[in-house]
Amino acid sequence: MHLEGERIVITGASSGIGRALLDELSRRPVQVVAVGRDEARLADVVAALAGSRARVLPFRCDVAVQEEVDALFAYAVEQMGGIDLFFANAGFAYWEPIGAPDWSGTEAIFRTNVISPIYAVEKMAALFPGGAWRMVITSSILGRVGLEGYGRYSATKAALDRFAEVYRLENRGRGRLVMVYPLAVRSRFFRAAGGAPVPLLSQSPEAAAQRIVRGIEKGRETIYGSWILPPMLLIDRLLPFLRRWYQAFDAWYARRQRGAGRDNNE
């Protein structure tokens, strides 16, 4: 898939993987609607790309609110004439051991991490029936392997996996849903999650973005943030007891970080 001339939307574009994707794609002659909740930060990000090959348009939006997502689609269609590639990248960062009942907290993370990307897929299918559009959802390896402190977050990513599986079964040839599984990304994501310790396996946003773009260009429907993940997942299926060892080691590693008071954010 050639990205030149594509009309693109990126949510969560002001930091982390979204910002790195925006930087990567701005080197190409494309149109991009860059989406974020913090209008000032988003404006700074777009200003830094002045003179790039891309036409970049900032749009403030809280993707957890249906009316704002509808407004985003309307704006993108008005400004670009359509959408070829939609990155549902915005995510709710959350780390906390499972404890006291918290209905509102659980609802909030599911609205951002699950309901919003599913709704965006449905919007793309409704607006561009039969089109060759692509929907790219940032999932997480934590949707495949649970780690201590990431109960709610892992649940949202696992939910996306099952949605993607059924969508592909029901919609063969009608738009391609691409799932991305980065390693833990060393960014402000973990600071936003309450100072969560970065899991043992992690990567930079730039490394994740480069692999995502290459995967899209190669037409892949599943993109892993690192070469190490596919063999790890295969070994996990064949030798499931190794998962418990890894989970125990990661928990020890996290406690060590918290005990040392280390700042793991870039």
C-alpha atoms as a PDB file:
ATOM      1  CA  MET A   1       0.000   0.000   0.000  1.00  0.00           C
ATOM      2  CA  HIS A   2       1.462   3.347  -1.055  1.00  0.00           C
ATOM      3  CA  LEU A   3       0.765   6.154   1.410  1.00  0.00           C
ATOM      4  CA  GLU A   4       1.490   9.063  -0.923  1.00  0.00           C
ATOM      5  CA  GLY A   5      -1.644  11.155  -1.380  1.00  0.00           C
ATOM      6  CA  GLU A   6      -3.553   9.386   1.385  1.00  0.00           C
ATOM      7  CA  ARG A   7      -6.101  11.204   3.571  1.00  0.00           C
ATOM      8  CA  ILE A   8      -5.302  10.273   7.154  1.00  0.00           C
ATOM      9  CA  VAL A   9      -6.703  10.771  10.658  1.00  0.00           C
ATOM     10  CA  ILE A  10      -4.538  10.149  13.743  1.00  0.00           C
ATOM     11  CA  THR A  11      -6.072  10.265  17.224  1.00  0.00           C
ATOM     12  CA  GLY A  12      -3.809  10.786  20.205  1.00  0.00           C
ATOM     13  CA  ALA A  13      -1.476  12.716  17.907  1.00  0.00           C
ATOM     14  CA  SER A  14       0.054  15.060  20.474  1.00  0.00           C
ATOM     15  CA  SER A  15       2.209  12.488  22.290  1.00  0.00           C
ATOM     16  CA  GLY A  16       3.560   8.941  22.286  1.00  0.00           C
ATOM     17  CA  ILE A  17       2.942   6.704  19.290  1.00  0.00           C
ATOM     18  CA  GLY A  18       0.473   9.180  17.785  1.00  0.00           C
ATOM     19  CA  ARG A  19       3.051  11.964  17.753  1.00  0.00           C
ATOM     20  CA  ALA A  20       5.677   9.624  16.320  1.00  0.00           C
ATOM     21  CA  LEU A  21       3.249   8.481  13.604  1.00  0.00           C
ATOM     22  CA  LEU A  22       2.534  12.092  12.734  1.00  0.00           C
ATOM     23  CA  ASP A  23       6.253  12.831  12.446  1.00  0.00           C
ATOM     24  CA  GLU A  24       6.816   9.728  10.315  1.00  0.00           C
ATOM     25  CA  LEU A  25       3.904  10.394   7.956  1.00  0.00           C
ATOM     26  CA  SER A  26       4.684  14.111   7.608  1.00  0.00           C
ATOM     27  CA  ARG A  27       7.701  13.123   5.507  1.00  0.00           C
ATOM     28  CA  ARG A  28       5.264  12.045   2.779  1.00  0.00           C
ATOM     29  CA  PRO A  29       2.904  14.080   0.564  1.00  0.00           C
ATOM     30  CA  VAL A  30      -0.255  13.237   2.533  1.00  0.00           C
ATOM     31  CA  GLN A  31      -3.089  15.048   4.280  1.00  0.00           C
ATOM     32  CA  VAL A  32      -3.456  14.439   8.017  1.00  0.00           C
ATOM     33  CA  VAL A  33      -6.012  15.489  10.598  1.00  0.00           C
ATOM     34  CA  ALA A  34      -4.066  15.380  13.870  1.00  0.00           C
ATOM     35  CA  VAL A  35      -6.394  14.814  16.813  1.00  0.00           C
ATOM     36  CA  GLY A  36      -5.836  15.502  20.508  1.00  0.00           C
ATOM     37  CA  ARG A  37      -7.611  16.682  23.646  1.00  0.00           C
ATOM     38  CA  ASP A  38      -5.073  19.365  24.611  1.00  0.00           C
ATOM     39  CA  GLU A  39      -5.542  22.117  22.050  1.00  0.00           C
ATOM     40  CA  ALA A  40      -2.401  24.059  23.011  1.00  0.00           C
ATOM     41  CA  ARG A  41      -0.122  21.029  22.915  1.00  0.00           C
ATOM     42  CA  LEU A  42      -1.639  19.923  19.614  1.00  0.00           C
ATOM     43  CA  ALA A  43      -1.045  23.370  18.126  1.00  0.00           C
ATOM     44  CA  ASP A  44       2.632  23.194  19.151  1.00  0.00           C
ATOM     45  CA  VAL A  45       2.988  19.764  17.564  1.00  0.00           C
ATOM     46  CA  VAL A  46       1.476  20.912  14.273  1.00  0.00           C
ATOM     47  CA  ALA A  47       3.532  24.119  14.275  1.00  0.00           C
ATOM     48  CA  ALA A  48       6.713  22.057  14.595  1.00  0.00           C
ATOM     49  CA  LEU A  49       5.804  20.325  11.318  1.00  0.00           C
ATOM     50  CA  ALA A  50       5.562  23.532   9.316  1.00  0.00           C
ATOM     51  CA  GLY A  51       7.457  23.072   6.065  1.00  0.00           C
ATOM     52  CA  SER A  52       6.962  19.294   6.009  1.00  0.00           C
ATOM     53  CA  ARG A  53       5.663  17.525   2.918  1.00  0.00           C
ATOM     54  CA  ALA A  54       2.290  16.851   4.561  1.00  0.00           C
ATOM     55  CA  ARG A  55      -0.724  19.071   4.996  1.00  0.00           C
ATOM     56  CA  VAL A  56      -1.440  18.740   8.726  1.00  0.00           C
ATOM     57  CA  LEU A  57      -4.691  20.002  10.261  1.00  0.00           C
ATOM     58  CA  PRO A  58      -5.152  20.071  14.050  1.00  0.00           C
ATOM     59  CA  PHE A  59      -8.501  19.073  15.543  1.00  0.00           C
ATOM     60  CA  ARG A  60      -9.360  19.091  19.235  1.00  0.00           C
ATOM     61  CA  CYS A  61     -11.497  16.109  20.188  1.00  0.00           C
ATOM     62  CA  ASP A  62     -12.239  13.903  23.164  1.00  0.00           C
ATOM     63  CA  VAL A  63     -12.680  10.511  21.503  1.00  0.00           C
ATOM     64  CA  ALA A  64     -14.654   9.241  24.509  1.00  0.00           C
ATOM     65  CA  VAL A  65     -17.573  11.513  23.510  1.00  0.00           C
ATOM     66  CA  GLN A  66     -19.738  10.374  20.582  1.00  0.00           C
ATOM     67  CA  GLU A  67     -20.714  13.881  19.466  1.00  0.00           C
ATOM     68  CA  GLU A  68     -17.066  14.930  19.290  1.00  0.00           C
ATOM     69  CA  VAL A  69     -16.136  11.843  17.259  1.00  0.00           C
ATOM     70  CA  ASP A  70     -19.002  12.592  14.868  1.00  0.00           C
ATOM     71  CA  ALA A  71     -17.691  16.160  14.546  1.00  0.00           C
ATOM     72  CA  LEU A  72     -14.198  14.794  13.828  1.00  0.00           C
ATOM     73  CA  PHE A  73     -15.468  12.673  10.953  1.00  0.00           C
ATOM     74  CA  ALA A  74     -17.465  15.577   9.549  1.00  0.00           C
ATOM     75  CA  TYR A  75     -14.413  17.858   9.720  1.00  0.00           C
ATOM     76  CA  ALA A  76     -12.089  15.324   8.081  1.00  0.00           C
ATOM     77  CA  VAL A  77     -14.516  14.708   5.223  1.00  0.00           C
ATOM     78  CA  GLU A  78     -15.078  18.442   4.747  1.00  0.00           C
ATOM     79  CA  GLN A  79     -11.386  19.314   4.752  1.00  0.00           C
ATOM     80  CA  MET A  80      -9.943  16.318   2.884  1.00  0.00           C
ATOM     81  CA  GLY A  81     -12.892  14.998   0.893  1.00  0.00           C
ATOM     82  CA  GLY A  82     -12.780  11.637   2.644  1.00  0.00           C
ATOM     83  CA  ILE A  83     -10.657   9.363   4.831  1.00  0.00           C
ATOM     84  CA  ASP A  84      -8.407   6.608   3.493  1.00  0.00           C
ATOM     85  CA  LEU A  85      -6.546   5.700   6.665  1.00  0.00           C
ATOM     86  CA  PHE A  86      -7.773   6.146  10.242  1.00  0.00           C
ATOM     87  CA  PHE A  87      -5.449   5.546  13.193  1.00  0.00           C
ATOM     88  CA  ALA A  88      -7.528   4.843  16.314  1.00  0.00           C
ATOM     89  CA  ASN A  89      -4.511   5.383  18.500  1.00  0.00           C
ATOM     90  CA  ALA A  90      -5.757   7.435  21.471  1.00  0.00           C
ATOM     91  CA  GLY A  91      -5.749   5.393  24.650  1.00  0.00           C
ATOM     92  CA  PHE A  92      -6.675   5.727  28.309  1.00  0.00           C
ATOM     93  CA  ALA A  93      -3.621   4.998  30.449  1.00  0.00           C
ATOM     94  CA  TYR A  94      -4.396   3.136  33.669  1.00  0.00           C
ATOM     95  CA  TRP A  95      -2.374   1.215  36.240  1.00  0.00           C
ATOM     96  CA  GLU A  96      -3.667   0.139  39.613  1.00  0.00           C
ATOM     97  CA  PRO A  97      -4.046  -3.187  41.401  1.00  0.00           C
ATOM     98  CA  ILE A  98      -7.614  -4.477  41.332  1.00  0.00           C
ATOM     99  CA  GLY A  99      -9.314  -3.243  44.472  1.00  0.00           C
ATOM    100  CA  ALA A 100     -12.205  -1.014  45.480  1.00  0.00           C
ATOM    101  CA  PRO A 101     -15.303  -0.941  43.225  1.00  0.00           C
ATOM    102  CA  ASP A 102     -14.973   1.828  40.648  1.00  0.00           C
ATOM    103  CA  TRP A 103     -17.805   1.866  38.109  1.00  0.00           C
ATOM    104  CA  SER A 104     -16.970   5.298  36.688  1.00  0.00           C
ATOM    105  CA  GLY A 105     -13.281   4.499  36.298  1.00  0.00           C
ATOM    106  CA  THR A 106     -14.002   1.264  34.458  1.00  0.00           C
ATOM    107  CA  GLU A 107     -16.581   2.974  32.259  1.00  0.00           C
ATOM    108  CA  ALA A 108     -14.174   5.800  31.390  1.00  0.00           C
ATOM    109  CA  ILE A 109     -11.374   3.520  30.223  1.00  0.00           C
ATOM    110  CA  PHE A 110     -13.766   1.383  28.168  1.00  0.00           C
ATOM    111  CA  ARG A 111     -15.296   4.455  26.508  1.00  0.00           C
ATOM    112  CA  THR A 112     -11.886   5.587  25.260  1.00  0.00           C
ATOM    113  CA  ASN A 113     -10.124   2.286  24.627  1.00  0.00           C
ATOM    114  CA  VAL A 114     -12.986   0.119  23.346  1.00  0.00           C
ATOM    115  CA  ILE A 115     -16.203   1.934  22.495  1.00  0.00           C
ATOM    116  CA  SER A 116     -14.506   4.755  20.592  1.00  0.00           C
ATOM    117  CA  PRO A 117     -12.393   2.630  18.203  1.00  0.00           C
ATOM    118  CA  ILE A 118     -15.286   0.230  17.569  1.00  0.00           C
ATOM    119  CA  TYR A 119     -17.542   3.190  16.783  1.00  0.00           C
ATOM    120  CA  ALA A 120     -14.879   4.622  14.470  1.00  0.00           C
ATOM    121  CA  VAL A 121     -14.722   1.341  12.525  1.00  0.00           C
ATOM    122  CA  GLU A 122     -18.505   1.421  12.146  1.00  0.00           C
ATOM    123  CA  LYS A 123     -18.378   5.068  11.019  1.00  0.00           C
ATOM    124  CA  MET A 124     -15.770   4.294   8.359  1.00  0.00           C
ATOM    125  CA  ALA A 125     -17.860   1.399   7.037  1.00  0.00           C
ATOM    126  CA  ALA A 126     -21.009   3.536   6.971  1.00  0.00           C
ATOM    127  CA  LEU A 127     -19.399   6.581   5.329  1.00  0.00           C
ATOM    128  CA  PHE A 128     -17.329   4.726   2.742  1.00  0.00           C
ATOM    129  CA  PRO A 129     -19.161   1.479   1.893  1.00  0.00           C
ATOM    130  CA  GLY A 130     -17.147  -0.726  -0.401  1.00  0.00           C
ATOM    131  CA  GLY A 131     -14.158   1.615  -0.189  1.00  0.00           C
ATOM    132  CA  ALA A 132     -10.518   0.605   0.107  1.00  0.00           C
ATOM    133  CA  TRP A 133     -10.079   2.366   3.444  1.00  0.00           C
ATOM    134  CA  ARG A 134      -7.917   1.080   6.279  1.00  0.00           C
ATOM    135  CA  MET A 135      -8.622   1.273  10.006  1.00  0.00           C
ATOM    136  CA  VAL A 136      -5.586   0.905  12.278  1.00  0.00           C
ATOM    137  CA  ILE A 137      -6.265   0.233  15.962  1.00  0.00           C
ATOM    138  CA  THR A 138      -3.489   0.445  18.526  1.00  0.00           C
ATOM    139  CA  SER A 139      -3.963  -2.533  20.793  1.00  0.00           C
ATOM    140  CA  SER A 140      -1.311  -3.857  23.174  1.00  0.00           C
ATOM    141  CA  ILE A 141       0.561  -7.014  23.996  1.00  0.00           C
ATOM    142  CA  LEU A 142      -1.118  -6.608  27.399  1.00  0.00           C
ATOM    143  CA  GLY A 143      -4.328  -7.714  25.702  1.00  0.00           C
ATOM    144  CA  ARG A 144      -2.642 -11.071  25.157  1.00  0.00           C
ATOM    145  CA  VAL A 145      -0.666 -11.379  28.408  1.00  0.00           C
ATOM    146  CA  GLY A 146      -1.857  -9.869  31.686  1.00  0.00           C
ATOM    147  CA  LEU A 147       0.550  -8.188  34.099  1.00  0.00           C
ATOM    148  CA  GLU A 148      -0.037  -7.022  37.649  1.00  0.00           C
ATOM    149  CA  GLY A 149      -1.638  -3.588  37.877  1.00  0.00           C
ATOM    150  CA  TYR A 150      -3.025  -3.631  34.338  1.00  0.00           C
ATOM    151  CA  GLY A 151      -6.336  -5.422  34.937  1.00  0.00           C
ATOM    152  CA  ARG A 152      -8.686  -2.833  33.428  1.00  0.00           C
ATOM    153  CA  TYR A 153      -6.263  -1.775  30.712  1.00  0.00           C
ATOM    154  CA  SER A 154      -5.596  -5.367  29.620  1.00  0.00           C
ATOM    155  CA  ALA A 155      -9.342  -6.058  29.584  1.00  0.00           C
ATOM    156  CA  THR A 156      -9.921  -3.224  27.109  1.00  0.00           C
ATOM    157  CA  LYS A 157      -7.248  -4.479  24.751  1.00  0.00           C
ATOM    158  CA  ALA A 158      -8.500  -8.058  24.926  1.00  0.00           C
ATOM    159  CA  ALA A 159     -11.986  -6.785  24.034  1.00  0.00           C
ATOM    160  CA  LEU A 160     -10.576  -5.122  20.907  1.00  0.00           C
ATOM    161  CA  ASP A 161      -8.984  -8.404  19.857  1.00  0.00           C
ATOM    162  CA  ARG A 162     -12.304 -10.256  19.891  1.00  0.00           C
ATOM    163  CA  PHE A 163     -14.050  -7.431  18.035  1.00  0.00           C
ATOM    164  CA  ALA A 164     -11.364  -7.457  15.338  1.00  0.00           C
ATOM    165  CA  GLU A 165     -11.607 -11.237  14.967  1.00  0.00           C
ATOM    166  CA  VAL A 166     -15.372 -11.150  14.393  1.00  0.00           C
ATOM    167  CA  TYR A 167     -15.238  -8.038  12.188  1.00  0.00           C
ATOM    168  CA  ARG A 168     -12.810  -9.758   9.854  1.00  0.00           C
ATOM    169  CA  LEU A 169     -15.037 -12.830   9.684  1.00  0.00           C
ATOM    170  CA  GLU A 170     -18.100 -10.767   8.818  1.00  0.00           C
ATOM    171  CA  ASN A 171     -16.509  -8.233   6.476  1.00  0.00           C
ATOM    172  CA  ARG A 172     -14.082 -10.010   4.211  1.00  0.00           C
ATOM    173  CA  GLY A 173     -12.939  -7.647   1.486  1.00  0.00           C
ATOM    174  CA  ARG A 174     -14.888  -4.619   2.783  1.00  0.00           C
ATOM    175  CA  GLY A 175     -12.242  -2.430   4.320  1.00  0.00           C
ATOM    176  CA  ARG A 176      -9.221  -3.771   6.156  1.00  0.00           C
ATOM    177  CA  LEU A 177      -8.968  -3.641   9.930  1.00  0.00           C
ATOM    178  CA  VAL A 178      -5.340  -3.522  11.044  1.00  0.00           C
ATOM    179  CA  MET A 179      -4.425  -4.402  14.631  1.00  0.00           C
ATOM    180  CA  VAL A 180      -1.169  -3.105  16.123  1.00  0.00           C
ATOM    181  CA  TYR A 181       0.568  -4.677  19.112  1.00  0.00           C
ATOM    182  CA  PRO A 182       3.416  -2.486  20.344  1.00  0.00           C
ATOM    183  CA  LEU A 183       5.588  -3.267  23.303  1.00  0.00           C
ATOM    184  CA  ALA A 184       5.138  -0.955  26.275  1.00  0.00           C
ATOM    185  CA  VAL A 185       6.044   2.475  24.908  1.00  0.00           C
ATOM    186  CA  ARG A 186       8.416   4.689  26.875  1.00  0.00           C
ATOM    187  CA  SER A 187       6.425   7.926  26.858  1.00  0.00           C
ATOM    188  CA  ARG A 188       4.223  10.120  29.067  1.00  0.00           C
ATOM    189  CA  PHE A 189       1.647   7.314  28.823  1.00  0.00           C
ATOM    190  CA  PHE A 190       2.979   5.763  32.018  1.00  0.00           C
ATOM    191  CA  ARG A 191       3.061   9.086  33.845  1.00  0.00           C
ATOM    192  CA  ALA A 192      -0.590   9.578  32.873  1.00  0.00           C
ATOM    193  CA  ALA A 193      -1.311   6.100  34.231  1.00  0.00           C
ATOM    194  CA  GLY A 194      -0.349   7.239  37.723  1.00  0.00           C
ATOM    195  CA  GLY A 195       3.402   6.735  37.572  1.00  0.00           C
ATOM    196  CA  ALA A 196       3.092   3.121  36.477  1.00  0.00           C
ATOM    197  CA  PRO A 197       6.347   1.173  36.178  1.00  0.00           C
ATOM    198  CA  VAL A 198       7.284   0.452  32.576  1.00  0.00           C
ATOM    199  CA  PRO A 199       7.032  -3.301  31.876  1.00  0.00           C
ATOM    200  CA  LEU A 200      10.229  -5.227  31.318  1.00  0.00           C
ATOM    201  CA  LEU A 201       9.833  -5.220  27.525  1.00  0.00           C
ATOM    202  CA  SER A 202       9.467  -1.698  26.132  1.00  0.00           C
ATOM    203  CA  GLN A 203      10.309   0.442  23.106  1.00  0.00           C
ATOM    204  CA  SER A 204      10.441   4.057  21.998  1.00  0.00           C
ATOM    205  CA  PRO A 205       7.437   5.673  20.272  1.00  0.00           C
ATOM    206  CA  GLU A 206       9.591   6.265  17.195  1.00  0.00           C
ATOM    207  CA  ALA A 207      10.506   2.576  16.878  1.00  0.00           C
ATOM    208  CA  ALA A 208       6.844   1.597  17.215  1.00  0.00           C
ATOM    209  CA  ALA A 209       5.719   4.167  14.618  1.00  0.00           C
ATOM    210  CA  GLN A 210       8.304   3.052  12.075  1.00  0.00           C
ATOM    211  CA  ARG A 211       7.212  -0.578  12.364  1.00  0.00           C
ATOM    212  CA  ILE A 212       3.549   0.418  12.087  1.00  0.00           C
ATOM    213  CA  VAL A 213       4.078   2.447   8.920  1.00  0.00           C
ATOM    214  CA  ARG A 214       6.206  -0.288   7.335  1.00  0.00           C
ATOM    215  CA  GLY A 215       3.551  -2.858   8.201  1.00  0.00           C
ATOM    216  CA  ILE A 216       0.813  -0.768   6.606  1.00  0.00           C
ATOM    217  CA  GLU A 217       2.874  -0.263   3.460  1.00  0.00           C
ATOM    218  CA  LYS A 218       3.322  -4.042   3.241  1.00  0.00           C
ATOM    219  CA  GLY A 219      -0.417  -4.608   3.579  1.00  0.00           C
ATOM    220  CA  ARG A 220      -0.305  -6.459   6.892  1.00  0.00           C
ATOM    221  CA  GLU A 221      -3.427  -6.872   9.009  1.00  0.00           C
ATOM    222  CA  THR A 222      -1.471  -7.617  12.196  1.00  0.00           C
ATOM    223  CA  ILE A 223       1.559  -5.514  13.109  1.00  0.00           C
ATOM    224  CA  TYR A 224       3.845  -6.247  16.045  1.00  0.00           C
ATOM    225  CA  GLY A 225       5.996  -3.540  17.586  1.00  0.00           C
ATOM    226  CA  SER A 226       8.987  -5.880  17.792  1.00  0.00           C
ATOM    227  CA  TRP A 227      10.226  -9.037  16.093  1.00  0.00           C
ATOM    228  CA  ILE A 228      10.375 -10.684  19.510  1.00  0.00           C
ATOM    229  CA  LEU A 229       6.590 -10.754  20.022  1.00  0.00           C
ATOM    230  CA  PRO A 230       5.461 -13.425  17.483  1.00  0.00           C
ATOM    231  CA  PRO A 231       7.894 -16.097  18.801  1.00  0.00           C
ATOM    232  CA  MET A 232       7.016 -15.115  22.379  1.00  0.00           C
ATOM    233  CA  LEU A 233       3.300 -15.594  21.709  1.00  0.00           C
ATOM    234  CA  LEU A 234       3.961 -18.922  19.985  1.00  0.00           C
ATOM    235  CA  ILE A 235       6.026 -20.157  22.918  1.00  0.00           C
ATOM    236  CA  ASP A 236       3.277 -18.958  25.261  1.00  0.00           C
ATOM    237  CA  ARG A 237       0.748 -21.153  23.449  1.00  0.00           C
ATOM    238  CA  LEU A 238       3.041 -24.179  23.418  1.00  0.00           C
ATOM    239  CA  LEU A 239       4.505 -23.786  26.911  1.00  0.00           C
ATOM    240  CA  PRO A 240       1.928 -21.820  28.943  1.00  0.00           C
ATOM    241  CA  PHE A 241       3.765 -22.316  32.236  1.00  0.00           C
ATOM    242  CA  LEU A 242       6.446 -19.916  30.991  1.00  0.00           C
ATOM    243  CA  ARG A 243       3.839 -17.117  31.120  1.00  0.00           C
ATOM    244  CA  ARG A 244       3.616 -17.453  34.902  1.00  0.00           C
ATOM    245  CA  TRP A 245       7.388 -17.193  35.169  1.00  0.00           C
ATOM    246  CA  TYR A 246       7.422 -14.056  33.045  1.00  0.00           C
ATOM    247  CA  GLN A 247       4.522 -12.517  34.983  1.00  0.00           C
ATOM    248  CA  ALA A 248       6.274 -13.201  38.298  1.00  0.00           C
ATOM    249  CA  PHE A 249       9.544 -11.743  37.018  1.00  0.00           C
ATOM    250  CA  ASP A 250       7.824  -8.637  35.639  1.00  0.00           C
ATOM    251  CA  ALA A 251       6.038  -8.121  38.977  1.00  0.00           C
ATOM    252  CA  TRP A 252       9.380  -8.313  40.778  1.00  0.00           C
ATOM    253  CA  TYR A 253      10.895  -5.886  38.263  1.00  0.00           C
ATOM    254  CA  ALA A 254       8.008  -3.431  38.776  1.00  0.00           C
ATOM    255  CA  ARG A 255       8.305  -3.577  42.569  1.00  0.00           C
ATOM    256  CA  ARG A 256      12.034  -2.948  42.264  1.00  0.00           C
ATOM    257  CA  GLN A 257      11.408   0.165  40.164  1.00  0.00           C
ATOM    258  CA  ARG A 258       8.807   1.523  42.567  1.00  0.00           C
ATOM    259  CA  GLY A 259      11.003   0.784  45.554  1.00  0.00           C
ATOM    260  CA  ALA A 260      13.939   2.624  43.997  1.00  0.00           C
ATOM    261  CA  GLY A 261      11.694   5.588  43.129  1.00  0.00           C
ATOM    262  CA  ARG A 262      12.886   5.580  39.555  1.00  0.00           C
ATOM    263  CA  ASP A 263      11.302   7.788  36.915  1.00  0.00           C
ATOM    264  CA  ASN A 264      10.696   5.509  33.926  1.00  0.00           C
ATOM    265  CA  ASN A 265       9.170   8.115  31.642  1.00  0.00           C
ATOM    266  CA  GLU A 266      10.846   9.906  28.785  1.00  0.00           C
END
